[in-house]
Amino acid sequence: MTGRRGREGRLKEEHAELYPGLAPGTWISVERLIGHVTDLIQRDRSKAKHITGPRLLHEDHFEFRGRSERPDGLPSGLTRLSDSGADPEPAV
């Protein structure tokens, strides 16, 4: 997948201490947020249980806006990559 996607997130103020280097209240592309969170986890794996949930970006810690195009082959009715429990659709 190339190019910037349209989904953005911003860190909620009450969770700022868990994410050093992220400014709360600032809209950032989800790709950059994911990169930042994975870097934090790689530096200290014990933080993973506090800064992630069922998804890499903890839904209680961030607000989200925007929309991302679905990558080719993934079921169109689902909105997130991790929701896809189905096999990719064959290319036409």
PDB file of N, CA and C in Angstrom:
ATOM      1  N   MET A   1       0.849  -1.166   0.000  1.00  0.00           N
ATOM      2  CA  MET A   1       0.000   0.000   0.000  1.00  0.00           C
ATOM      3  C   MET A   1       0.897   1.232   0.000  1.00  0.00           C
ATOM      4  N   THR A   2       0.603   2.164  -0.847  1.00  0.00           N
ATOM      5  CA  THR A   2       1.408   3.366  -0.913  1.00  0.00           C
ATOM      6  C   THR A   2       0.520   4.578  -0.729  1.00  0.00           C
ATOM      7  N   GLY A   3       1.141   5.695  -0.440  1.00  0.00           N
ATOM      8  CA  GLY A   3       0.394   6.931  -0.287  1.00  0.00           C
ATOM      9  C   GLY A   3      -0.203   7.070   1.098  1.00  0.00           C
ATOM     10  N   ARG A   4      -0.554   8.293   1.422  1.00  0.00           N
ATOM     11  CA  ARG A   4      -1.137   8.579   2.722  1.00  0.00           C
ATOM     12  C   ARG A   4      -2.598   8.182   2.738  1.00  0.00           C
ATOM     13  N   ARG A   5      -2.986   7.559   3.799  1.00  0.00           N
ATOM     14  CA  ARG A   5      -4.378   7.176   3.964  1.00  0.00           C
ATOM     15  C   ARG A   5      -5.088   8.286   4.725  1.00  0.00           C
ATOM     16  N   GLY A   6      -6.406   8.257   4.732  1.00  0.00           N
ATOM     17  CA  GLY A   6      -7.163   9.365   5.288  1.00  0.00           C
ATOM     18  C   GLY A   6      -7.483   9.298   6.758  1.00  0.00           C
ATOM     19  N   ARG A   7      -7.197   8.210   7.444  1.00  0.00           N
ATOM     20  CA  ARG A   7      -7.579   8.080   8.854  1.00  0.00           C
ATOM     21  C   ARG A   7      -6.537   8.756   9.739  1.00  0.00           C
ATOM     22  N   GLU A   8      -7.036   9.517  10.724  1.00  0.00           N
ATOM     23  CA  GLU A   8      -6.167  10.205  11.680  1.00  0.00           C
ATOM     24  C   GLU A   8      -6.634   9.914  13.093  1.00  0.00           C
ATOM     25  N   GLY A   9      -5.729  10.090  14.021  1.00  0.00           N
ATOM     26  CA  GLY A   9      -6.060   9.925  15.425  1.00  0.00           C
ATOM     27  C   GLY A   9      -5.385  11.002  16.249  1.00  0.00           C
ATOM     28  N   ARG A  10      -5.915  11.208  17.441  1.00  0.00           N
ATOM     29  CA  ARG A  10      -5.253  12.125  18.376  1.00  0.00           C
ATOM     30  C   ARG A  10      -5.337  11.530  19.771  1.00  0.00           C
ATOM     31  N   LEU A  11      -4.265  11.693  20.495  1.00  0.00           N
ATOM     32  CA  LEU A  11      -4.134  11.180  21.849  1.00  0.00           C
ATOM     33  C   LEU A  11      -4.979  12.013  22.801  1.00  0.00           C
ATOM     34  N   LYS A  12      -5.709  11.335  23.662  1.00  0.00           N
ATOM     35  CA  LYS A  12      -6.490  12.027  24.686  1.00  0.00           C
ATOM     36  C   LYS A  12      -5.544  12.464  25.815  1.00  0.00           C
ATOM     37  N   GLU A  13      -5.787  13.648  26.336  1.00  0.00           N
ATOM     38  CA  GLU A  13      -4.946  14.261  27.365  1.00  0.00           C
ATOM     39  C   GLU A  13      -4.718  13.336  28.562  1.00  0.00           C
ATOM     40  N   GLU A  14      -5.752  12.648  29.008  1.00  0.00           N
ATOM     41  CA  GLU A  14      -5.642  11.828  30.227  1.00  0.00           C
ATOM     42  C   GLU A  14      -4.739  10.606  30.066  1.00  0.00           C
ATOM     43  N   HIS A  15      -4.299  10.305  28.837  1.00  0.00           N
ATOM     44  CA  HIS A  15      -3.417   9.163  28.605  1.00  0.00           C
ATOM     45  C   HIS A  15      -2.031   9.578  28.104  1.00  0.00           C
ATOM     46  N   ALA A  16      -1.743  10.866  28.134  1.00  0.00           N
ATOM     47  CA  ALA A  16      -0.500  11.399  27.574  1.00  0.00           C
ATOM     48  C   ALA A  16       0.753  10.801  28.221  1.00  0.00           C
ATOM     49  N   GLU A  17       0.708  10.514  29.512  1.00  0.00           N
ATOM     50  CA  GLU A  17       1.906  10.009  30.196  1.00  0.00           C
ATOM     51  C   GLU A  17       2.319   8.622  29.687  1.00  0.00           C
ATOM     52  N   LEU A  18       1.408   7.908  29.068  1.00  0.00           N
ATOM     53  CA  LEU A  18       1.716   6.575  28.542  1.00  0.00           C
ATOM     54  C   LEU A  18       2.445   6.621  27.200  1.00  0.00           C
ATOM     55  N   TYR A  19       2.423   7.780  26.537  1.00  0.00           N
ATOM     56  CA  TYR A  19       2.946   7.903  25.172  1.00  0.00           C
ATOM     57  C   TYR A  19       3.947   9.053  25.069  1.00  0.00           C
ATOM     58  N   PRO A  20       5.122   8.919  25.665  1.00  0.00           N
ATOM     59  CA  PRO A  20       6.106  10.001  25.554  1.00  0.00           C
ATOM     60  C   PRO A  20       6.430  10.286  24.083  1.00  0.00           C
ATOM     61  N   GLY A  21       6.494  11.567  23.768  1.00  0.00           N
ATOM     62  CA  GLY A  21       6.799  11.970  22.403  1.00  0.00           C
ATOM     63  C   GLY A  21       5.575  12.289  21.565  1.00  0.00           C
ATOM     64  N   LEU A  22       4.380  11.980  22.057  1.00  0.00           N
ATOM     65  CA  LEU A  22       3.147  12.332  21.352  1.00  0.00           C
ATOM     66  C   LEU A  22       2.481  13.496  22.068  1.00  0.00           C
ATOM     67  N   ALA A  23       2.085  14.489  21.304  1.00  0.00           N
ATOM     68  CA  ALA A  23       1.392  15.647  21.873  1.00  0.00           C
ATOM     69  C   ALA A  23      -0.108  15.354  21.886  1.00  0.00           C
ATOM     70  N   PRO A  24      -0.739  15.358  23.057  1.00  0.00           N
ATOM     71  CA  PRO A  24      -2.182  15.113  23.103  1.00  0.00           C
ATOM     72  C   PRO A  24      -2.948  16.204  22.368  1.00  0.00           C
ATOM     73  N   GLY A  25      -4.067  15.804  21.761  1.00  0.00           N
ATOM     74  CA  GLY A  25      -4.930  16.763  21.086  1.00  0.00           C
ATOM     75  C   GLY A  25      -4.518  17.113  19.667  1.00  0.00           C
ATOM     76  N   THR A  26      -3.418  16.570  19.176  1.00  0.00           N
ATOM     77  CA  THR A  26      -2.931  16.865  17.833  1.00  0.00           C
ATOM     78  C   THR A  26      -3.298  15.727  16.886  1.00  0.00           C
ATOM     79  N   TRP A  27      -3.977  16.044  15.793  1.00  0.00           N
ATOM     80  CA  TRP A  27      -4.350  15.022  14.814  1.00  0.00           C
ATOM     81  C   TRP A  27      -3.116  14.567  14.047  1.00  0.00           C
ATOM     82  N   ILE A  28      -2.915  13.253  13.979  1.00  0.00           N
ATOM     83  CA  ILE A  28      -1.757  12.642  13.334  1.00  0.00           C
ATOM     84  C   ILE A  28      -2.262  11.468  12.501  1.00  0.00           C
ATOM     85  N   SER A  29      -1.611  11.204  11.383  1.00  0.00           N
ATOM     86  CA  SER A  29      -2.029  10.058  10.574  1.00  0.00           C
ATOM     87  C   SER A  29      -1.904   8.779  11.406  1.00  0.00           C
ATOM     88  N   VAL A  30      -2.820   7.861  11.182  1.00  0.00           N
ATOM     89  CA  VAL A  30      -2.815   6.601  11.912  1.00  0.00           C
ATOM     90  C   VAL A  30      -1.498   5.847  11.672  1.00  0.00           C
ATOM     91  N   GLU A  31      -0.952   5.944  10.465  1.00  0.00           N
ATOM     92  CA  GLU A  31       0.321   5.278  10.188  1.00  0.00           C
ATOM     93  C   GLU A  31       1.435   5.792  11.107  1.00  0.00           C
ATOM     94  N   ARG A  32       1.496   7.099  11.310  1.00  0.00           N
ATOM     95  CA  ARG A  32       2.511   7.658  12.215  1.00  0.00           C
ATOM     96  C   ARG A  32       2.255   7.232  13.659  1.00  0.00           C
ATOM     97  N   LEU A  33       0.997   7.212  14.065  1.00  0.00           N
ATOM     98  CA  LEU A  33       0.670   6.770  15.427  1.00  0.00           C
ATOM     99  C   LEU A  33       1.072   5.315  15.630  1.00  0.00           C
ATOM    100  N   ILE A  34       0.768   4.471  14.658  1.00  0.00           N
ATOM    101  CA  ILE A  34       1.141   3.058  14.752  1.00  0.00           C
ATOM    102  C   ILE A  34       2.653   2.926  14.857  1.00  0.00           C
ATOM    103  N   GLY A  35       3.381   3.671  14.057  1.00  0.00           N
ATOM    104  CA  GLY A  35       4.845   3.645  14.121  1.00  0.00           C
ATOM    105  C   GLY A  35       5.362   4.054  15.488  1.00  0.00           C
ATOM    106  N   HIS A  36       4.773   5.097  16.050  1.00  0.00           N
ATOM    107  CA  HIS A  36       5.202   5.579  17.367  1.00  0.00           C
ATOM    108  C   HIS A  36       4.918   4.535  18.451  1.00  0.00           C
ATOM    109  N   VAL A  37       3.728   3.957  18.422  1.00  0.00           N
ATOM    110  CA  VAL A  37       3.363   2.959  19.432  1.00  0.00           C
ATOM    111  C   VAL A  37       4.242   1.715  19.304  1.00  0.00           C
ATOM    112  N   THR A  38       4.503   1.259  18.093  1.00  0.00           N
ATOM    113  CA  THR A  38       5.363   0.077  17.938  1.00  0.00           C
ATOM    114  C   THR A  38       6.788   0.375  18.399  1.00  0.00           C
ATOM    115  N   ASP A  39       7.269   1.591  18.173  1.00  0.00           N
ATOM    116  CA  ASP A  39       8.599   1.971  18.689  1.00  0.00           C
ATOM    117  C   ASP A  39       8.623   1.931  20.216  1.00  0.00           C
ATOM    118  N   LEU A  40       7.572   2.457  20.854  1.00  0.00           N
ATOM    119  CA  LEU A  40       7.503   2.426  22.318  1.00  0.00           C
ATOM    120  C   LEU A  40       7.530   0.988  22.836  1.00  0.00           C
ATOM    121  N   ILE A  41       6.785   0.113  22.183  1.00  0.00           N
ATOM    122  CA  ILE A  41       6.732  -1.285  22.609  1.00  0.00           C
ATOM    123  C   ILE A  41       8.073  -1.978  22.388  1.00  0.00           C
ATOM    124  N   GLN A  42       8.732  -1.689  21.275  1.00  0.00           N
ATOM    125  CA  GLN A  42      10.039  -2.303  21.015  1.00  0.00           C
ATOM    126  C   GLN A  42      11.077  -1.876  22.040  1.00  0.00           C
ATOM    127  N   ARG A  43      10.981  -0.636  22.493  1.00  0.00           N
ATOM    128  CA  ARG A  43      11.929  -0.147  23.499  1.00  0.00           C
ATOM    129  C   ARG A  43      11.662  -0.742  24.875  1.00  0.00           C
ATOM    130  N   ASP A  44      10.386  -1.003  25.185  1.00  0.00           N
ATOM    131  CA  ASP A  44      10.019  -1.549  26.493  1.00  0.00           C
ATOM    132  C   ASP A  44       8.764  -2.390  26.343  1.00  0.00           C
ATOM    133  N   ARG A  45       8.942  -3.693  26.166  1.00  0.00           N
ATOM    134  CA  ARG A  45       7.812  -4.595  25.904  1.00  0.00           C
ATOM    135  C   ARG A  45       6.806  -4.639  27.058  1.00  0.00           C
ATOM    136  N   SER A  46       7.217  -4.285  28.256  1.00  0.00           N
ATOM    137  CA  SER A  46       6.281  -4.298  29.381  1.00  0.00           C
ATOM    138  C   SER A  46       5.187  -3.239  29.225  1.00  0.00           C
ATOM    139  N   LYS A  47       5.401  -2.240  28.364  1.00  0.00           N
ATOM    140  CA  LYS A  47       4.398  -1.196  28.143  1.00  0.00           C
ATOM    141  C   LYS A  47       3.232  -1.682  27.288  1.00  0.00           C
ATOM    142  N   ALA A  48       3.426  -2.766  26.559  1.00  0.00           N
ATOM    143  CA  ALA A  48       2.407  -3.231  25.618  1.00  0.00           C
ATOM    144  C   ALA A  48       1.065  -3.454  26.299  1.00  0.00           C
ATOM    145  N   LYS A  49       1.060  -4.039  27.483  1.00  0.00           N
ATOM    146  CA  LYS A  49      -0.212  -4.327  28.145  1.00  0.00           C
ATOM    147  C   LYS A  49      -0.937  -3.061  28.603  1.00  0.00           C
ATOM    148  N   HIS A  50      -0.234  -1.937  28.667  1.00  0.00           N
ATOM    149  CA  HIS A  50      -0.835  -0.681  29.103  1.00  0.00           C
ATOM    150  C   HIS A  50      -1.245   0.217  27.944  1.00  0.00           C
ATOM    151  N   ILE A  51      -0.525   0.129  26.821  1.00  0.00           N
ATOM    152  CA  ILE A  51      -0.788   1.067  25.729  1.00  0.00           C
ATOM    153  C   ILE A  51      -1.486   0.437  24.524  1.00  0.00           C
ATOM    154  N   THR A  52      -1.765  -0.848  24.590  1.00  0.00           N
ATOM    155  CA  THR A  52      -2.529  -1.468  23.511  1.00  0.00           C
ATOM    156  C   THR A  52      -3.738  -2.178  24.108  1.00  0.00           C
ATOM    157  N   GLY A  53      -4.674  -2.471  23.265  1.00  0.00           N
ATOM    158  CA  GLY A  53      -5.873  -3.204  23.672  1.00  0.00           C
ATOM    159  C   GLY A  53      -6.145  -4.256  22.626  1.00  0.00           C
ATOM    160  N   PRO A  54      -7.417  -4.461  22.307  1.00  0.00           N
ATOM    161  CA  PRO A  54      -7.741  -5.408  21.237  1.00  0.00           C
ATOM    162  C   PRO A  54      -7.126  -4.979  19.897  1.00  0.00           C
ATOM    163  N   ARG A  55      -6.814  -3.711  19.761  1.00  0.00           N
ATOM    164  CA  ARG A  55      -6.132  -3.167  18.577  1.00  0.00           C
ATOM    165  C   ARG A  55      -4.848  -2.489  19.036  1.00  0.00           C
ATOM    166  N   LEU A  56      -3.938  -2.317  18.095  1.00  0.00           N
ATOM    167  CA  LEU A  56      -2.656  -1.701  18.443  1.00  0.00           C
ATOM    168  C   LEU A  56      -2.857  -0.308  19.032  1.00  0.00           C
ATOM    169  N   LEU A  57      -3.731   0.486  18.423  1.00  0.00           N
ATOM    170  CA  LEU A  57      -4.047   1.805  18.980  1.00  0.00           C
ATOM    171  C   LEU A  57      -5.253   1.648  19.895  1.00  0.00           C
ATOM    172  N   HIS A  58      -5.006   1.797  21.169  1.00  0.00           N
ATOM    173  CA  HIS A  58      -6.042   1.588  22.195  1.00  0.00           C
ATOM    174  C   HIS A  58      -7.181   2.574  21.983  1.00  0.00           C
ATOM    175  N   GLU A  59      -8.381   2.057  21.749  1.00  0.00           N
ATOM    176  CA  GLU A  59      -9.526   2.909  21.422  1.00  0.00           C
ATOM    177  C   GLU A  59      -9.934   3.845  22.560  1.00  0.00           C
ATOM    178  N   ASP A  60      -9.602   3.513  23.789  1.00  0.00           N
ATOM    179  CA  ASP A  60      -9.910   4.408  24.906  1.00  0.00           C
ATOM    180  C   ASP A  60      -8.909   5.553  25.012  1.00  0.00           C
ATOM    181  N   HIS A  61      -7.736   5.405  24.404  1.00  0.00           N
ATOM    182  CA  HIS A  61      -6.661   6.383  24.538  1.00  0.00           C
ATOM    183  C   HIS A  61      -6.645   7.408  23.409  1.00  0.00           C
ATOM    184  N   PHE A  62      -7.295   7.089  22.281  1.00  0.00           N
ATOM    185  CA  PHE A  62      -7.256   7.947  21.095  1.00  0.00           C
ATOM    186  C   PHE A  62      -8.654   8.240  20.585  1.00  0.00           C
ATOM    187  N   GLU A  63      -8.789   9.384  19.902  1.00  0.00           N
ATOM    188  CA  GLU A  63      -9.981   9.708  19.122  1.00  0.00           C
ATOM    189  C   GLU A  63      -9.583   9.539  17.661  1.00  0.00           C
ATOM    190  N   PHE A  64     -10.536   9.168  16.808  1.00  0.00           N
ATOM    191  CA  PHE A  64     -10.237   8.936  15.404  1.00  0.00           C
ATOM    192  C   PHE A  64     -11.193   9.706  14.515  1.00  0.00           C
ATOM    193  N   ARG A  65     -10.699  10.041  13.323  1.00  0.00           N
ATOM    194  CA  ARG A  65     -11.534  10.682  12.307  1.00  0.00           C
ATOM    195  C   ARG A  65     -11.012  10.265  10.934  1.00  0.00           C
ATOM    196  N   GLY A  66     -11.844  10.482   9.953  1.00  0.00           N
ATOM    197  CA  GLY A  66     -11.434  10.189   8.585  1.00  0.00           C
ATOM    198  C   GLY A  66     -11.741   8.760   8.194  1.00  0.00           C
ATOM    199  N   ARG A  67     -11.351   8.440   7.002  1.00  0.00           N
ATOM    200  CA  ARG A  67     -11.657   7.140   6.432  1.00  0.00           C
ATOM    201  C   ARG A  67     -10.470   6.694   5.592  1.00  0.00           C
ATOM    202  N   SER A  68     -10.234   5.399   5.581  1.00  0.00           N
ATOM    203  CA  SER A  68      -9.172   4.821   4.767  1.00  0.00           C
ATOM    204  C   SER A  68      -9.780   3.905   3.726  1.00  0.00           C
ATOM    205  N   GLU A  69      -9.213   3.931   2.549  1.00  0.00           N
ATOM    206  CA  GLU A  69      -9.629   3.003   1.505  1.00  0.00           C
ATOM    207  C   GLU A  69      -9.212   1.601   1.898  1.00  0.00           C
ATOM    208  N   ARG A  70     -10.036   0.628   1.590  1.00  0.00           N
ATOM    209  CA  ARG A  70      -9.708  -0.770   1.881  1.00  0.00           C
ATOM    210  C   ARG A  70      -8.659  -1.254   0.895  1.00  0.00           C
ATOM    211  N   PRO A  71      -7.638  -1.959   1.357  1.00  0.00           N
ATOM    212  CA  PRO A  71      -6.675  -2.558   0.430  1.00  0.00           C
ATOM    213  C   PRO A  71      -7.370  -3.592  -0.457  1.00  0.00           C
ATOM    214  N   ASP A  72      -6.892  -3.723  -1.682  1.00  0.00           N
ATOM    215  CA  ASP A  72      -7.463  -4.693  -2.615  1.00  0.00           C
ATOM    216  C   ASP A  72      -7.474  -6.083  -2.004  1.00  0.00           C
ATOM    217  N   GLY A  73      -8.592  -6.788  -2.205  1.00  0.00           N
ATOM    218  CA  GLY A  73      -8.689  -8.171  -1.775  1.00  0.00           C
ATOM    219  C   GLY A  73      -9.302  -8.385  -0.405  1.00  0.00           C
ATOM    220  N   LEU A  74      -9.453  -7.327   0.389  1.00  0.00           N
ATOM    221  CA  LEU A  74     -10.056  -7.493   1.713  1.00  0.00           C
ATOM    222  C   LEU A  74     -11.560  -7.269   1.633  1.00  0.00           C
ATOM    223  N   PRO A  75     -12.321  -7.952   2.481  1.00  0.00           N
ATOM    224  CA  PRO A  75     -13.784  -7.805   2.431  1.00  0.00           C
ATOM    225  C   PRO A  75     -14.205  -6.348   2.569  1.00  0.00           C
ATOM    226  N   SER A  76     -15.079  -5.906   1.691  1.00  0.00           N
ATOM    227  CA  SER A  76     -15.443  -4.487   1.641  1.00  0.00           C
ATOM    228  C   SER A  76     -16.341  -4.046   2.789  1.00  0.00           C
ATOM    229  N   GLY A  77     -17.061  -4.945   3.440  1.00  0.00           N
ATOM    230  CA  GLY A  77     -17.978  -4.558   4.499  1.00  0.00           C
ATOM    231  C   GLY A  77     -17.310  -4.305   5.837  1.00  0.00           C
ATOM    232  N   LEU A  78     -16.038  -4.576   5.966  1.00  0.00           N
ATOM    233  CA  LEU A  78     -15.330  -4.390   7.231  1.00  0.00           C
ATOM    234  C   LEU A  78     -14.512  -3.115   7.160  1.00  0.00           C
ATOM    235  N   THR A  79     -14.366  -2.431   8.287  1.00  0.00           N
ATOM    236  CA  THR A  79     -13.726  -1.124   8.257  1.00  0.00           C
ATOM    237  C   THR A  79     -12.288  -1.118   8.721  1.00  0.00           C
ATOM    238  N   ARG A  80     -11.823  -2.201   9.327  1.00  0.00           N
ATOM    239  CA  ARG A  80     -10.450  -2.220   9.827  1.00  0.00           C
ATOM    240  C   ARG A  80      -9.762  -3.486   9.378  1.00  0.00           C
ATOM    241  N   LEU A  81      -8.475  -3.352   9.120  1.00  0.00           N
ATOM    242  CA  LEU A  81      -7.686  -4.475   8.651  1.00  0.00           C
ATOM    243  C   LEU A  81      -7.777  -5.664   9.590  1.00  0.00           C
ATOM    244  N   SER A  82      -7.733  -5.425  10.902  1.00  0.00           N
ATOM    245  CA  SER A  82      -7.745  -6.532  11.851  1.00  0.00           C
ATOM    246  C   SER A  82      -9.121  -7.187  11.979  1.00  0.00           C
ATOM    247  N   ASP A  83     -10.163  -6.579  11.411  1.00  0.00           N
ATOM    248  CA  ASP A  83     -11.488  -7.181  11.443  1.00  0.00           C
ATOM    249  C   ASP A  83     -11.617  -8.323  10.444  1.00  0.00           C
ATOM    250  N   SER A  84     -10.682  -8.415   9.546  1.00  0.00           N
ATOM    251  CA  SER A  84     -10.808  -9.376   8.459  1.00  0.00           C
ATOM    252  C   SER A  84     -10.433 -10.778   8.918  1.00  0.00           C
ATOM    253  N   GLY A  85     -11.452 -11.573   9.185  1.00  0.00           N
ATOM    254  CA  GLY A  85     -11.212 -12.969   9.526  1.00  0.00           C
ATOM    255  C   GLY A  85     -11.380 -13.842   8.299  1.00  0.00           C
ATOM    256  N   ALA A  86     -11.798 -13.239   7.205  1.00  0.00           N
ATOM    257  CA  ALA A  86     -12.038 -13.978   5.967  1.00  0.00           C
ATOM    258  C   ALA A  86     -10.775 -13.992   5.125  1.00  0.00           C
ATOM    259  N   ASP A  87     -10.689 -14.994   4.276  1.00  0.00           N
ATOM    260  CA  ASP A  87      -9.582 -15.039   3.316  1.00  0.00           C
ATOM    261  C   ASP A  87      -9.738 -13.891   2.331  1.00  0.00           C
ATOM    262  N   PRO A  88      -8.621 -13.377   1.806  1.00  0.00           N
ATOM    263  CA  PRO A  88      -8.728 -12.309   0.793  1.00  0.00           C
ATOM    264  C   PRO A  88      -9.530 -12.798  -0.405  1.00  0.00           C
ATOM    265  N   GLU A  89     -10.266 -11.844  -1.001  1.00  0.00           N
ATOM    266  CA  GLU A  89     -11.029 -12.169  -2.195  1.00  0.00           C
ATOM    267  C   GLU A  89     -10.076 -12.321  -3.370  1.00  0.00           C
ATOM    268  N   PRO A  90     -10.349 -13.220  -4.309  1.00  0.00           N
ATOM    269  CA  PRO A  90      -9.453 -13.384  -5.459  1.00  0.00           C
ATOM    270  C   PRO A  90      -9.451 -12.133  -6.317  1.00  0.00           C
ATOM    271  N   ALA A  91      -8.295 -11.849  -6.891  1.00  0.00           N
ATOM    272  CA  ALA A  91      -8.164 -10.681  -7.787  1.00  0.00           C
ATOM    273  C   ALA A  91      -8.930 -10.946  -9.063  1.00  0.00           C
ATOM    274  N   VAL A  92      -9.531  -9.901  -9.604  1.00  0.00           N
ATOM    275  CA  VAL A  92     -10.273 -10.046 -10.860  1.00  0.00           C
ATOM    276  C   VAL A  92      -9.511  -9.446 -12.001  1.00  0.00           C
TER     277      VAL A  92
END
